[in-house]
Amino acid sequence: MRAAWYEKRGPARKVFRVGELPTPEPGPGELRIRLAFSGINPGDVKKRQIRPGAATPDFPLVVPHSDGAGVVDAVGDGVPAAWVGRRAWCSYAQSYRPQGTAAQYTVVPEGCVGALPDGVPTEQGACLGIPGITAHRALFADGPVTGRTVVVAGALGSVGRAAAVLARRAGALVVGTVTRPDRLGELRELGVDRAVSTGKDVVDAVLALTGGRGADRIVEVAFDTDADLDARLLAPGGTIAAYATGDPAPALPFWPLAFKNATVRLLGYDDFPREAVRLALPDITAAAAAAALRYPVAAVLPLDAVAEAHEAVEHPTRPGRVLLALPG
């Protein structure tokens, strides 16, 4: 099969190779997908960047990317044969595994694969995995959100978009934030109950919507810069679910959070419980099937341009997801 891989970490144009690798075979409990598209996430770029020049951990060769979409063409022992021939989207292909989705074929555990409904473009299927599963975990790890107030920071980002959609579909009152006021119209089109710019406007909006109580859940993309704001926004007993930070050692407003008996939940996608992934798949699939969850696509590049695609994620010039198109 045609694939892209690296054997050392470092700059994309220095470490990537594209060529032929053996086609993987599914083991027990696994499916093989003939991929049409591979979705690139910031985490994929970071895995390739860390410690330039170092060998990849545990594996002599890494085919990157965890997310993708295509058609199941083979199954291993214990997996229903009915999967064969079905359109599917997947995640976790390169989570503690060497063979990701930057290839014509990938092998993934059945519990990390969702059926791709008719009417959902295959490109969109390749966008669902890491963002959708992270959003689902942020929202539901601490129980249902029906009737709760949820603040989604950076609601037009990949995880934020999924969180806003999933929370709204689950019956939450959703406040979405953006840093640029010129994108408020786009945020309203996403269907949030209140679209606001970050800062004082968020506090005013949340307190007005909740009668001064605050938000029950905050889905946070910038924990280092927003921790103080989140402490002001949070209702007693609420949860801040943070999946990213600029500063790896952020300061924490301990007493404001302690007096609210707050939960601070830190999310690392690669280590989510598999039961959480299993619960997330149908909700994400249903949102995609209803056309509620759709991603703008900034670029679709061929496999041979994998280095350029990684650079487009590192230094974006337009909003949207970056995908690789795999050879047919």
C-alpha atoms as a PDB file:
ATOM      1  CA  MET A   1       0.000   0.000   0.000  1.00  0.00           C
ATOM      2  CA  ARG A   2       0.994   3.625  -0.440  1.00  0.00           C
ATOM      3  CA  ALA A   3       1.695   5.332   2.868  1.00  0.00           C
ATOM      4  CA  ALA A   4       3.463   8.250   4.524  1.00  0.00           C
ATOM      5  CA  TRP A   5       5.678   7.661   7.537  1.00  0.00           C
ATOM      6  CA  TYR A   6       8.538   8.955   9.659  1.00  0.00           C
ATOM      7  CA  GLU A   7      11.279   7.130  11.536  1.00  0.00           C
ATOM      8  CA  LYS A   8      12.636  10.155  13.419  1.00  0.00           C
ATOM      9  CA  ARG A   9      10.851  13.131  14.905  1.00  0.00           C
ATOM     10  CA  GLY A  10      11.465  16.608  13.557  1.00  0.00           C
ATOM     11  CA  PRO A  11      10.363  19.112  10.876  1.00  0.00           C
ATOM     12  CA  ALA A  12       7.834  17.693   8.439  1.00  0.00           C
ATOM     13  CA  ARG A  13       9.902  18.233   5.292  1.00  0.00           C
ATOM     14  CA  LYS A  14      12.928  16.532   6.861  1.00  0.00           C
ATOM     15  CA  VAL A  15      11.379  13.423   8.361  1.00  0.00           C
ATOM     16  CA  PHE A  16       8.451  12.370   6.170  1.00  0.00           C
ATOM     17  CA  ARG A  17       8.809   9.630   3.600  1.00  0.00           C
ATOM     18  CA  VAL A  18       6.165   8.428   1.134  1.00  0.00           C
ATOM     19  CA  GLY A  19       6.307   5.023  -0.509  1.00  0.00           C
ATOM     20  CA  GLU A  20       5.189   1.406  -0.257  1.00  0.00           C
ATOM     21  CA  LEU A  21       4.557  -0.465   2.990  1.00  0.00           C
ATOM     22  CA  PRO A  22       2.979  -3.887   3.594  1.00  0.00           C
ATOM     23  CA  THR A  23      -0.797  -3.782   3.804  1.00  0.00           C
ATOM     24  CA  PRO A  24      -1.805  -4.503   7.425  1.00  0.00           C
ATOM     25  CA  GLU A  25      -4.036  -7.445   8.315  1.00  0.00           C
ATOM     26  CA  PRO A  26      -6.750  -7.135  10.985  1.00  0.00           C
ATOM     27  CA  GLY A  27      -6.220  -9.128  14.149  1.00  0.00           C
ATOM     28  CA  PRO A  28      -8.888 -10.340  16.580  1.00  0.00           C
ATOM     29  CA  GLY A  29     -11.429  -7.621  17.320  1.00  0.00           C
ATOM     30  CA  GLU A  30     -10.106  -5.362  14.529  1.00  0.00           C
ATOM     31  CA  LEU A  31     -11.367  -4.009  11.218  1.00  0.00           C
ATOM     32  CA  ARG A  32      -9.392  -2.931   8.190  1.00  0.00           C
ATOM     33  CA  ILE A  33     -10.527   0.201   6.377  1.00  0.00           C
ATOM     34  CA  ARG A  34      -9.610   1.144   2.831  1.00  0.00           C
ATOM     35  CA  LEU A  35      -9.234   4.853   3.450  1.00  0.00           C
ATOM     36  CA  ALA A  36     -10.374   7.676   1.224  1.00  0.00           C
ATOM     37  CA  PHE A  37      -9.361  10.511   3.562  1.00  0.00           C
ATOM     38  CA  SER A  38      -7.096  10.965   6.564  1.00  0.00           C
ATOM     39  CA  GLY A  39      -7.840  13.750   9.047  1.00  0.00           C
ATOM     40  CA  ILE A  40      -4.923  15.683  10.535  1.00  0.00           C
ATOM     41  CA  ASN A  41      -5.229  17.013  14.079  1.00  0.00           C
ATOM     42  CA  PRO A  42      -2.866  19.252  16.079  1.00  0.00           C
ATOM     43  CA  GLY A  43      -1.963  16.245  18.222  1.00  0.00           C
ATOM     44  CA  ASP A  44      -0.681  14.408  15.151  1.00  0.00           C
ATOM     45  CA  VAL A  45       1.634  17.305  14.421  1.00  0.00           C
ATOM     46  CA  LYS A  46       2.880  17.411  18.037  1.00  0.00           C
ATOM     47  CA  LYS A  47       3.654  13.689  18.055  1.00  0.00           C
ATOM     48  CA  ARG A  48       5.845  14.224  15.018  1.00  0.00           C
ATOM     49  CA  GLN A  49       7.512  17.389  16.384  1.00  0.00           C
ATOM     50  CA  ILE A  50       8.503  16.404  19.926  1.00  0.00           C
ATOM     51  CA  ARG A  51      12.232  15.967  20.562  1.00  0.00           C
ATOM     52  CA  PRO A  52      13.529  16.496  17.021  1.00  0.00           C
ATOM     53  CA  GLY A  53      15.904  13.766  15.921  1.00  0.00           C
ATOM     54  CA  ALA A  54      14.767  11.288  18.571  1.00  0.00           C
ATOM     55  CA  ALA A  55      13.602   7.835  17.597  1.00  0.00           C
ATOM     56  CA  THR A  56       9.856   7.293  17.743  1.00  0.00           C
ATOM     57  CA  PRO A  57       8.859   5.655  21.049  1.00  0.00           C
ATOM     58  CA  ASP A  58       8.415   1.875  20.879  1.00  0.00           C
ATOM     59  CA  PHE A  59       8.073   1.802  17.091  1.00  0.00           C
ATOM     60  CA  PRO A  60      10.799   1.939  14.432  1.00  0.00           C
ATOM     61  CA  LEU A  61       8.351   3.522  11.981  1.00  0.00           C
ATOM     62  CA  VAL A  62       5.166   5.551  12.442  1.00  0.00           C
ATOM     63  CA  VAL A  63       2.389   6.080   9.905  1.00  0.00           C
ATOM     64  CA  PRO A  64       0.732   9.151  11.471  1.00  0.00           C
ATOM     65  CA  HIS A  65      -2.856  10.287  12.105  1.00  0.00           C
ATOM     66  CA  SER A  66      -5.595   8.669  14.160  1.00  0.00           C
ATOM     67  CA  ASP A  67      -8.681   9.796  12.218  1.00  0.00           C
ATOM     68  CA  GLY A  68      -9.916   8.698   8.817  1.00  0.00           C
ATOM     69  CA  ALA A  69     -12.847   7.486   6.744  1.00  0.00           C
ATOM     70  CA  GLY A  70     -13.413   4.990   3.963  1.00  0.00           C
ATOM     71  CA  VAL A  71     -14.872   1.511   3.475  1.00  0.00           C
ATOM     72  CA  VAL A  72     -14.311  -1.571   5.633  1.00  0.00           C
ATOM     73  CA  ASP A  73     -12.759  -4.271   3.470  1.00  0.00           C
ATOM     74  CA  ALA A  74     -11.735  -6.961   5.992  1.00  0.00           C
ATOM     75  CA  VAL A  75     -12.412  -7.976   9.585  1.00  0.00           C
ATOM     76  CA  GLY A  76     -10.581 -10.031  12.176  1.00  0.00           C
ATOM     77  CA  ASP A  77     -11.858 -12.806  14.405  1.00  0.00           C
ATOM     78  CA  GLY A  78     -14.785 -11.816  16.562  1.00  0.00           C
ATOM     79  CA  VAL A  79     -15.915  -8.923  14.347  1.00  0.00           C
ATOM     80  CA  PRO A  80     -19.226  -9.328  12.460  1.00  0.00           C
ATOM     81  CA  ALA A  81     -18.724  -9.927   8.735  1.00  0.00           C
ATOM     82  CA  ALA A  82     -21.571  -7.454   8.124  1.00  0.00           C
ATOM     83  CA  TRP A  83     -19.005  -4.665   8.527  1.00  0.00           C
ATOM     84  CA  VAL A  84     -17.378  -5.567   5.214  1.00  0.00           C
ATOM     85  CA  GLY A  85     -18.401  -3.136   2.481  1.00  0.00           C
ATOM     86  CA  ARG A  86     -19.773  -0.530   4.910  1.00  0.00           C
ATOM     87  CA  ARG A  87     -18.671   3.092   4.901  1.00  0.00           C
ATOM     88  CA  ALA A  88     -16.976   3.914   8.187  1.00  0.00           C
ATOM     89  CA  TRP A  89     -15.144   6.584  10.146  1.00  0.00           C
ATOM     90  CA  CYS A  90     -12.486   5.766  12.672  1.00  0.00           C
ATOM     91  CA  SER A  91     -10.270   7.133  15.398  1.00  0.00           C
ATOM     92  CA  TYR A  92      -7.406   5.834  17.585  1.00  0.00           C
ATOM     93  CA  ALA A  93      -5.622   4.333  14.571  1.00  0.00           C
ATOM     94  CA  GLN A  94      -2.301   5.782  15.778  1.00  0.00           C
ATOM     95  CA  SER A  95      -2.919   5.903  19.510  1.00  0.00           C
ATOM     96  CA  TYR A  96      -0.192   3.734  21.066  1.00  0.00           C
ATOM     97  CA  ARG A  97      -0.098   2.044  17.657  1.00  0.00           C
ATOM     98  CA  PRO A  98       2.288   2.559  14.708  1.00  0.00           C
ATOM     99  CA  GLN A  99      -0.082   2.268  11.731  1.00  0.00           C
ATOM    100  CA  GLY A 100      -2.239   5.384  11.405  1.00  0.00           C
ATOM    101  CA  THR A 101      -4.449   6.667   8.623  1.00  0.00           C
ATOM    102  CA  ALA A 102      -1.873   8.372   6.368  1.00  0.00           C
ATOM    103  CA  ALA A 103      -2.053   5.275   4.185  1.00  0.00           C
ATOM    104  CA  GLN A 104      -4.383   3.470   1.818  1.00  0.00           C
ATOM    105  CA  TYR A 105      -5.316   1.018   4.585  1.00  0.00           C
ATOM    106  CA  THR A 106      -5.460   1.102   8.367  1.00  0.00           C
ATOM    107  CA  VAL A 107      -6.421  -1.424  11.029  1.00  0.00           C
ATOM    108  CA  VAL A 108      -8.445  -0.239  14.038  1.00  0.00           C
ATOM    109  CA  PRO A 109     -10.215  -1.905  16.998  1.00  0.00           C
ATOM    110  CA  GLU A 110     -13.927  -2.330  16.308  1.00  0.00           C
ATOM    111  CA  GLY A 111     -14.769  -0.161  19.320  1.00  0.00           C
ATOM    112  CA  CYS A 112     -13.071   2.811  17.652  1.00  0.00           C
ATOM    113  CA  VAL A 113     -15.074   2.651  14.412  1.00  0.00           C
ATOM    114  CA  GLY A 114     -18.423   4.238  13.588  1.00  0.00           C
ATOM    115  CA  ALA A 115     -20.654   3.494  10.612  1.00  0.00           C
ATOM    116  CA  LEU A 116     -20.730   6.493   8.277  1.00  0.00           C
ATOM    117  CA  PRO A 117     -24.364   7.261   7.402  1.00  0.00           C
ATOM    118  CA  ASP A 118     -25.584   7.846   3.874  1.00  0.00           C
ATOM    119  CA  GLY A 119     -25.561  11.549   3.142  1.00  0.00           C
ATOM    120  CA  VAL A 120     -22.468  12.257   5.245  1.00  0.00           C
ATOM    121  CA  PRO A 121     -19.562  13.024   2.901  1.00  0.00           C
ATOM    122  CA  THR A 122     -16.533  10.826   3.427  1.00  0.00           C
ATOM    123  CA  GLU A 123     -14.427  13.967   3.941  1.00  0.00           C
ATOM    124  CA  GLN A 124     -16.589  14.836   6.944  1.00  0.00           C
ATOM    125  CA  GLY A 125     -16.166  11.348   8.341  1.00  0.00           C
ATOM    126  CA  ALA A 126     -12.421  11.923   8.468  1.00  0.00           C
ATOM    127  CA  CYS A 127     -13.007  15.024  10.620  1.00  0.00           C
ATOM    128  CA  LEU A 128     -15.097  13.420  13.371  1.00  0.00           C
ATOM    129  CA  GLY A 129     -12.748  11.342  15.502  1.00  0.00           C
ATOM    130  CA  ILE A 130     -10.440  13.183  17.885  1.00  0.00           C
ATOM    131  CA  PRO A 131     -12.525  16.401  18.034  1.00  0.00           C
ATOM    132  CA  GLY A 132     -15.846  14.619  18.471  1.00  0.00           C
ATOM    133  CA  ILE A 133     -14.663  12.106  21.051  1.00  0.00           C
ATOM    134  CA  THR A 134     -12.809  14.777  23.039  1.00  0.00           C
ATOM    135  CA  ALA A 135     -15.890  17.004  23.014  1.00  0.00           C
ATOM    136  CA  HIS A 136     -18.126  14.146  24.120  1.00  0.00           C
ATOM    137  CA  ARG A 137     -15.826  13.265  27.003  1.00  0.00           C
ATOM    138  CA  ALA A 138     -15.625  16.913  28.088  1.00  0.00           C
ATOM    139  CA  LEU A 139     -19.403  17.174  28.177  1.00  0.00           C
ATOM    140  CA  PHE A 140     -20.508  13.853  29.621  1.00  0.00           C
ATOM    141  CA  ALA A 141     -17.696  12.546  31.847  1.00  0.00           C
ATOM    142  CA  ASP A 142     -19.463  14.188  34.812  1.00  0.00           C
ATOM    143  CA  GLY A 143     -23.001  13.163  33.925  1.00  0.00           C
ATOM    144  CA  PRO A 144     -25.828  14.374  31.665  1.00  0.00           C
ATOM    145  CA  VAL A 145     -26.081  17.988  30.547  1.00  0.00           C
ATOM    146  CA  THR A 146     -29.838  18.071  29.948  1.00  0.00           C
ATOM    147  CA  GLY A 147     -31.158  21.312  31.399  1.00  0.00           C
ATOM    148  CA  ARG A 148     -27.645  22.455  32.329  1.00  0.00           C
ATOM    149  CA  THR A 149     -25.774  25.540  31.156  1.00  0.00           C
ATOM    150  CA  VAL A 150     -22.639  24.766  29.151  1.00  0.00           C
ATOM    151  CA  VAL A 151     -20.008  27.306  28.099  1.00  0.00           C
ATOM    152  CA  VAL A 152     -17.913  26.238  25.127  1.00  0.00           C
ATOM    153  CA  ALA A 153     -14.748  28.302  24.770  1.00  0.00           C
ATOM    154  CA  GLY A 154     -13.514  28.599  21.206  1.00  0.00           C
ATOM    155  CA  ALA A 155     -16.738  27.142  19.873  1.00  0.00           C
ATOM    156  CA  LEU A 156     -15.676  27.427  16.224  1.00  0.00           C
ATOM    157  CA  GLY A 157     -12.593  25.274  16.755  1.00  0.00           C
ATOM    158  CA  SER A 158     -12.653  21.573  15.968  1.00  0.00           C
ATOM    159  CA  VAL A 159     -13.419  20.338  19.496  1.00  0.00           C
ATOM    160  CA  GLY A 160     -15.485  23.406  20.344  1.00  0.00           C
ATOM    161  CA  ARG A 161     -17.740  22.993  17.312  1.00  0.00           C
ATOM    162  CA  ALA A 162     -18.457  19.378  18.264  1.00  0.00           C
ATOM    163  CA  ALA A 163     -19.020  20.296  21.913  1.00  0.00           C
ATOM    164  CA  ALA A 164     -21.512  23.030  21.061  1.00  0.00           C
ATOM    165  CA  VAL A 165     -23.478  20.740  18.744  1.00  0.00           C
ATOM    166  CA  LEU A 166     -23.476  17.726  21.068  1.00  0.00           C
ATOM    167  CA  ALA A 167     -24.434  19.808  24.102  1.00  0.00           C
ATOM    168  CA  ARG A 168     -27.316  21.467  22.261  1.00  0.00           C
ATOM    169  CA  ARG A 169     -28.581  18.097  21.001  1.00  0.00           C
ATOM    170  CA  ALA A 170     -28.421  16.755  24.559  1.00  0.00           C
ATOM    171  CA  GLY A 171     -30.719  19.506  25.842  1.00  0.00           C
ATOM    172  CA  ALA A 172     -28.213  21.924  27.338  1.00  0.00           C
ATOM    173  CA  LEU A 173     -28.327  25.706  27.215  1.00  0.00           C
ATOM    174  CA  VAL A 174     -25.167  26.517  25.270  1.00  0.00           C
ATOM    175  CA  VAL A 175     -23.069  29.675  25.390  1.00  0.00           C
ATOM    176  CA  GLY A 176     -20.374  29.684  22.728  1.00  0.00           C
ATOM    177  CA  THR A 177     -17.399  32.036  22.691  1.00  0.00           C
ATOM    178  CA  VAL A 178     -15.070  33.333  19.989  1.00  0.00           C
ATOM    179  CA  THR A 179     -12.090  35.649  20.261  1.00  0.00           C
ATOM    180  CA  ARG A 180     -12.984  37.579  17.091  1.00  0.00           C
ATOM    181  CA  PRO A 181     -16.261  39.541  17.118  1.00  0.00           C
ATOM    182  CA  ASP A 182     -16.468  39.299  13.307  1.00  0.00           C
ATOM    183  CA  ARG A 183     -17.120  35.550  13.689  1.00  0.00           C
ATOM    184  CA  LEU A 184     -20.152  35.895  15.970  1.00  0.00           C
ATOM    185  CA  GLY A 185     -22.518  35.458  13.019  1.00  0.00           C
ATOM    186  CA  GLU A 186     -20.837  32.170  12.097  1.00  0.00           C
ATOM    187  CA  LEU A 187     -21.151  31.024  15.693  1.00  0.00           C
ATOM    188  CA  ARG A 188     -24.869  31.827  15.779  1.00  0.00           C
ATOM    189  CA  GLU A 189     -25.335  29.708  12.658  1.00  0.00           C
ATOM    190  CA  LEU A 190     -23.980  26.780  14.659  1.00  0.00           C
ATOM    191  CA  GLY A 191     -27.151  26.931  16.780  1.00  0.00           C
ATOM    192  CA  VAL A 192     -25.829  28.035  20.166  1.00  0.00           C
ATOM    193  CA  ASP A 193     -28.250  29.773  22.503  1.00  0.00           C
ATOM    194  CA  ARG A 194     -25.915  32.715  23.014  1.00  0.00           C
ATOM    195  CA  ALA A 195     -22.858  33.712  20.979  1.00  0.00           C
ATOM    196  CA  VAL A 196     -20.418  36.062  22.708  1.00  0.00           C
ATOM    197  CA  SER A 197     -16.893  37.390  22.475  1.00  0.00           C
ATOM    198  CA  THR A 198     -14.475  36.346  25.198  1.00  0.00           C
ATOM    199  CA  GLY A 199     -14.034  38.487  28.315  1.00  0.00           C
ATOM    200  CA  LYS A 200     -16.608  40.475  30.251  1.00  0.00           C
ATOM    201  CA  ASP A 201     -19.327  39.729  27.688  1.00  0.00           C
ATOM    202  CA  VAL A 202     -19.115  36.036  28.589  1.00  0.00           C
ATOM    203  CA  VAL A 203     -19.562  36.701  32.303  1.00  0.00           C
ATOM    204  CA  ASP A 204     -22.526  39.017  31.692  1.00  0.00           C
ATOM    205  CA  ALA A 205     -24.174  36.559  29.310  1.00  0.00           C
ATOM    206  CA  VAL A 206     -23.763  33.520  31.525  1.00  0.00           C
ATOM    207  CA  LEU A 207     -24.909  35.251  34.697  1.00  0.00           C
ATOM    208  CA  ALA A 208     -27.914  36.741  32.902  1.00  0.00           C
ATOM    209  CA  LEU A 209     -28.922  33.362  31.449  1.00  0.00           C
ATOM    210  CA  THR A 210     -28.565  31.546  34.773  1.00  0.00           C
ATOM    211  CA  GLY A 211     -29.953  34.120  37.182  1.00  0.00           C
ATOM    212  CA  GLY A 212     -26.488  34.727  38.591  1.00  0.00           C
ATOM    213  CA  ARG A 213     -25.738  31.064  39.292  1.00  0.00           C
ATOM    214  CA  GLY A 214     -23.135  30.415  36.595  1.00  0.00           C
ATOM    215  CA  ALA A 215     -22.298  27.610  34.181  1.00  0.00           C
ATOM    216  CA  ASP A 216     -22.522  23.947  35.108  1.00  0.00           C
ATOM    217  CA  ARG A 217     -19.882  22.893  32.573  1.00  0.00           C
ATOM    218  CA  ILE A 218     -17.119  24.775  30.810  1.00  0.00           C
ATOM    219  CA  VAL A 219     -15.389  23.144  27.848  1.00  0.00           C
ATOM    220  CA  GLU A 220     -12.017  24.884  27.805  1.00  0.00           C
ATOM    221  CA  VAL A 221      -9.428  25.172  25.020  1.00  0.00           C
ATOM    222  CA  ALA A 222      -7.052  27.631  26.738  1.00  0.00           C
ATOM    223  CA  PHE A 223      -6.838  26.678  30.397  1.00  0.00           C
ATOM    224  CA  ASP A 224      -3.755  28.795  31.085  1.00  0.00           C
ATOM    225  CA  THR A 225      -5.309  32.073  29.939  1.00  0.00           C
ATOM    226  CA  ASP A 226      -8.932  31.380  30.916  1.00  0.00           C
ATOM    227  CA  ALA A 227      -8.645  29.772  34.370  1.00  0.00           C
ATOM    228  CA  ASP A 228      -9.458  32.988  36.252  1.00  0.00           C
ATOM    229  CA  LEU A 229     -12.363  33.755  33.914  1.00  0.00           C
ATOM    230  CA  ASP A 230     -13.655  30.204  34.255  1.00  0.00           C
ATOM    231  CA  ALA A 231     -13.595  30.487  38.043  1.00  0.00           C
ATOM    232  CA  ARG A 232     -15.885  33.514  37.744  1.00  0.00           C
ATOM    233  CA  LEU A 233     -18.185  31.763  35.273  1.00  0.00           C
ATOM    234  CA  LEU A 234     -18.557  28.466  37.096  1.00  0.00           C
ATOM    235  CA  ALA A 235     -21.597  27.553  39.181  1.00  0.00           C
ATOM    236  CA  PRO A 236     -21.143  25.861  42.562  1.00  0.00           C
ATOM    237  CA  GLY A 237     -20.331  22.204  41.968  1.00  0.00           C
ATOM    238  CA  GLY A 238     -19.545  22.841  38.305  1.00  0.00           C
ATOM    239  CA  THR A 239     -16.862  21.327  36.092  1.00  0.00           C
ATOM    240  CA  ILE A 240     -14.135  22.853  33.947  1.00  0.00           C
ATOM    241  CA  ALA A 241     -13.155  20.271  31.321  1.00  0.00           C
ATOM    242  CA  ALA A 242      -9.911  21.432  29.735  1.00  0.00           C
ATOM    243  CA  TYR A 243      -8.368  19.738  26.724  1.00  0.00           C
ATOM    244  CA  ALA A 244      -5.615  22.239  25.844  1.00  0.00           C
ATOM    245  CA  THR A 245      -3.338  24.879  27.344  1.00  0.00           C
ATOM    246  CA  GLY A 246      -0.659  27.187  26.025  1.00  0.00           C
ATOM    247  CA  ASP A 247       1.422  27.110  29.193  1.00  0.00           C
ATOM    248  CA  PRO A 248       2.198  23.511  30.219  1.00  0.00           C
ATOM    249  CA  ALA A 249       2.274  24.594  33.885  1.00  0.00           C
ATOM    250  CA  PRO A 250      -0.684  26.982  34.222  1.00  0.00           C
ATOM    251  CA  ALA A 251      -1.502  28.836  37.432  1.00  0.00           C
ATOM    252  CA  LEU A 252      -4.712  27.752  39.133  1.00  0.00           C
ATOM    253  CA  PRO A 253      -7.063  30.115  41.034  1.00  0.00           C
ATOM    254  CA  PHE A 254      -7.323  27.646  43.878  1.00  0.00           C
ATOM    255  CA  TRP A 255      -9.551  29.415  46.395  1.00  0.00           C
ATOM    256  CA  PRO A 256     -12.188  30.751  43.966  1.00  0.00           C
ATOM    257  CA  LEU A 257     -12.533  27.206  42.633  1.00  0.00           C
ATOM    258  CA  ALA A 258     -12.333  25.557  46.033  1.00  0.00           C
ATOM    259  CA  PHE A 259     -15.128  27.705  47.461  1.00  0.00           C
ATOM    260  CA  LYS A 260     -17.300  26.512  44.567  1.00  0.00           C
ATOM    261  CA  ASN A 261     -16.328  22.862  45.139  1.00  0.00           C
ATOM    262  CA  ALA A 262     -15.351  22.823  41.492  1.00  0.00           C
ATOM    263  CA  THR A 263     -14.114  19.876  39.476  1.00  0.00           C
ATOM    264  CA  VAL A 264     -11.196  20.521  37.117  1.00  0.00           C
ATOM    265  CA  ARG A 265     -11.107  17.693  34.576  1.00  0.00           C
ATOM    266  CA  LEU A 266      -8.045  17.463  32.344  1.00  0.00           C
ATOM    267  CA  LEU A 267      -8.568  15.539  29.138  1.00  0.00           C
ATOM    268  CA  GLY A 268      -5.995  13.458  27.268  1.00  0.00           C
ATOM    269  CA  TYR A 269      -7.613  11.812  24.243  1.00  0.00           C
ATOM    270  CA  ASP A 270      -5.148   8.920  23.887  1.00  0.00           C
ATOM    271  CA  ASP A 271      -6.026   7.673  27.375  1.00  0.00           C
ATOM    272  CA  PHE A 272      -9.809   7.993  27.461  1.00  0.00           C
ATOM    273  CA  PRO A 273     -11.548   4.882  28.811  1.00  0.00           C
ATOM    274  CA  ARG A 274     -12.679   2.687  25.926  1.00  0.00           C
ATOM    275  CA  GLU A 275     -16.189   2.689  27.390  1.00  0.00           C
ATOM    276  CA  ALA A 276     -16.251   6.468  26.978  1.00  0.00           C
ATOM    277  CA  VAL A 277     -15.267   6.053  23.335  1.00  0.00           C
ATOM    278  CA  ARG A 278     -17.987   3.444  22.819  1.00  0.00           C
ATOM    279  CA  LEU A 279     -20.603   5.812  24.226  1.00  0.00           C
ATOM    280  CA  ALA A 280     -19.365   8.712  22.109  1.00  0.00           C
ATOM    281  CA  LEU A 281     -19.515   7.009  18.704  1.00  0.00           C
ATOM    282  CA  PRO A 282     -23.332   6.862  18.261  1.00  0.00           C
ATOM    283  CA  ASP A 283     -23.878  10.435  19.460  1.00  0.00           C
ATOM    284  CA  ILE A 284     -21.241  11.797  17.083  1.00  0.00           C
ATOM    285  CA  THR A 285     -22.556   9.687  14.209  1.00  0.00           C
ATOM    286  CA  ALA A 286     -26.128  10.870  14.839  1.00  0.00           C
ATOM    287  CA  ALA A 287     -25.038  14.522  14.874  1.00  0.00           C
ATOM    288  CA  ALA A 288     -23.241  14.035  11.566  1.00  0.00           C
ATOM    289  CA  ALA A 289     -26.227  12.197  10.061  1.00  0.00           C
ATOM    290  CA  ALA A 290     -28.521  15.088  11.027  1.00  0.00           C
ATOM    291  CA  ALA A 291     -26.104  17.553   9.352  1.00  0.00           C
ATOM    292  CA  ALA A 292     -25.807  19.286  12.728  1.00  0.00           C
ATOM    293  CA  LEU A 293     -22.079  18.580  12.911  1.00  0.00           C
ATOM    294  CA  ARG A 294     -20.249  19.745   9.802  1.00  0.00           C
ATOM    295  CA  TYR A 295     -16.659  20.966   9.529  1.00  0.00           C
ATOM    296  CA  PRO A 296     -15.268  23.572   7.158  1.00  0.00           C
ATOM    297  CA  VAL A 297     -12.401  22.056   5.191  1.00  0.00           C
ATOM    298  CA  ALA A 298      -9.457  24.350   4.610  1.00  0.00           C
ATOM    299  CA  ALA A 299      -7.471  22.023   2.348  1.00  0.00           C
ATOM    300  CA  VAL A 300      -7.462  18.542   0.855  1.00  0.00           C
ATOM    301  CA  LEU A 301      -3.982  17.500  -0.228  1.00  0.00           C
ATOM    302  CA  PRO A 302      -2.645  14.312  -1.823  1.00  0.00           C
ATOM    303  CA  LEU A 303      -0.634  11.800   0.178  1.00  0.00           C
ATOM    304  CA  ASP A 304       2.582  12.912  -1.505  1.00  0.00           C
ATOM    305  CA  ALA A 305       2.027  16.388   0.014  1.00  0.00           C
ATOM    306  CA  VAL A 306       1.878  15.125   3.616  1.00  0.00           C
ATOM    307  CA  ALA A 307       4.634  17.511   4.736  1.00  0.00           C
ATOM    308  CA  GLU A 308       2.778  20.477   3.254  1.00  0.00           C
ATOM    309  CA  ALA A 309      -0.408  19.291   4.948  1.00  0.00           C
ATOM    310  CA  HIS A 310       1.309  19.163   8.350  1.00  0.00           C
ATOM    311  CA  GLU A 311       2.657  22.666   7.799  1.00  0.00           C
ATOM    312  CA  ALA A 312      -0.870  23.857   7.002  1.00  0.00           C
ATOM    313  CA  VAL A 313      -1.971  22.591  10.430  1.00  0.00           C
ATOM    314  CA  GLU A 314       1.061  24.139  12.160  1.00  0.00           C
ATOM    315  CA  HIS A 315       0.601  27.534  10.470  1.00  0.00           C
ATOM    316  CA  PRO A 316      -3.031  27.857   9.361  1.00  0.00           C
ATOM    317  CA  THR A 317      -3.922  30.601   6.920  1.00  0.00           C
ATOM    318  CA  ARG A 318      -7.668  29.903   6.849  1.00  0.00           C
ATOM    319  CA  PRO A 319     -10.087  28.213   9.259  1.00  0.00           C
ATOM    320  CA  GLY A 320     -11.016  24.607   8.724  1.00  0.00           C
ATOM    321  CA  ARG A 321      -9.708  21.064   8.750  1.00  0.00           C
ATOM    322  CA  VAL A 322      -6.784  19.781   6.691  1.00  0.00           C
ATOM    323  CA  LEU A 323      -7.190  16.345   5.074  1.00  0.00           C
ATOM    324  CA  LEU A 324      -5.102  13.950   3.054  1.00  0.00           C
ATOM    325  CA  ALA A 325      -6.758  12.283   0.068  1.00  0.00           C
ATOM    326  CA  LEU A 326      -5.546   8.697  -0.280  1.00  0.00           C
ATOM    327  CA  PRO A 327      -4.921   7.109  -3.688  1.00  0.00           C
ATOM    328  CA  GLY A 328      -7.855   5.047  -4.975  1.00  0.00           C
END
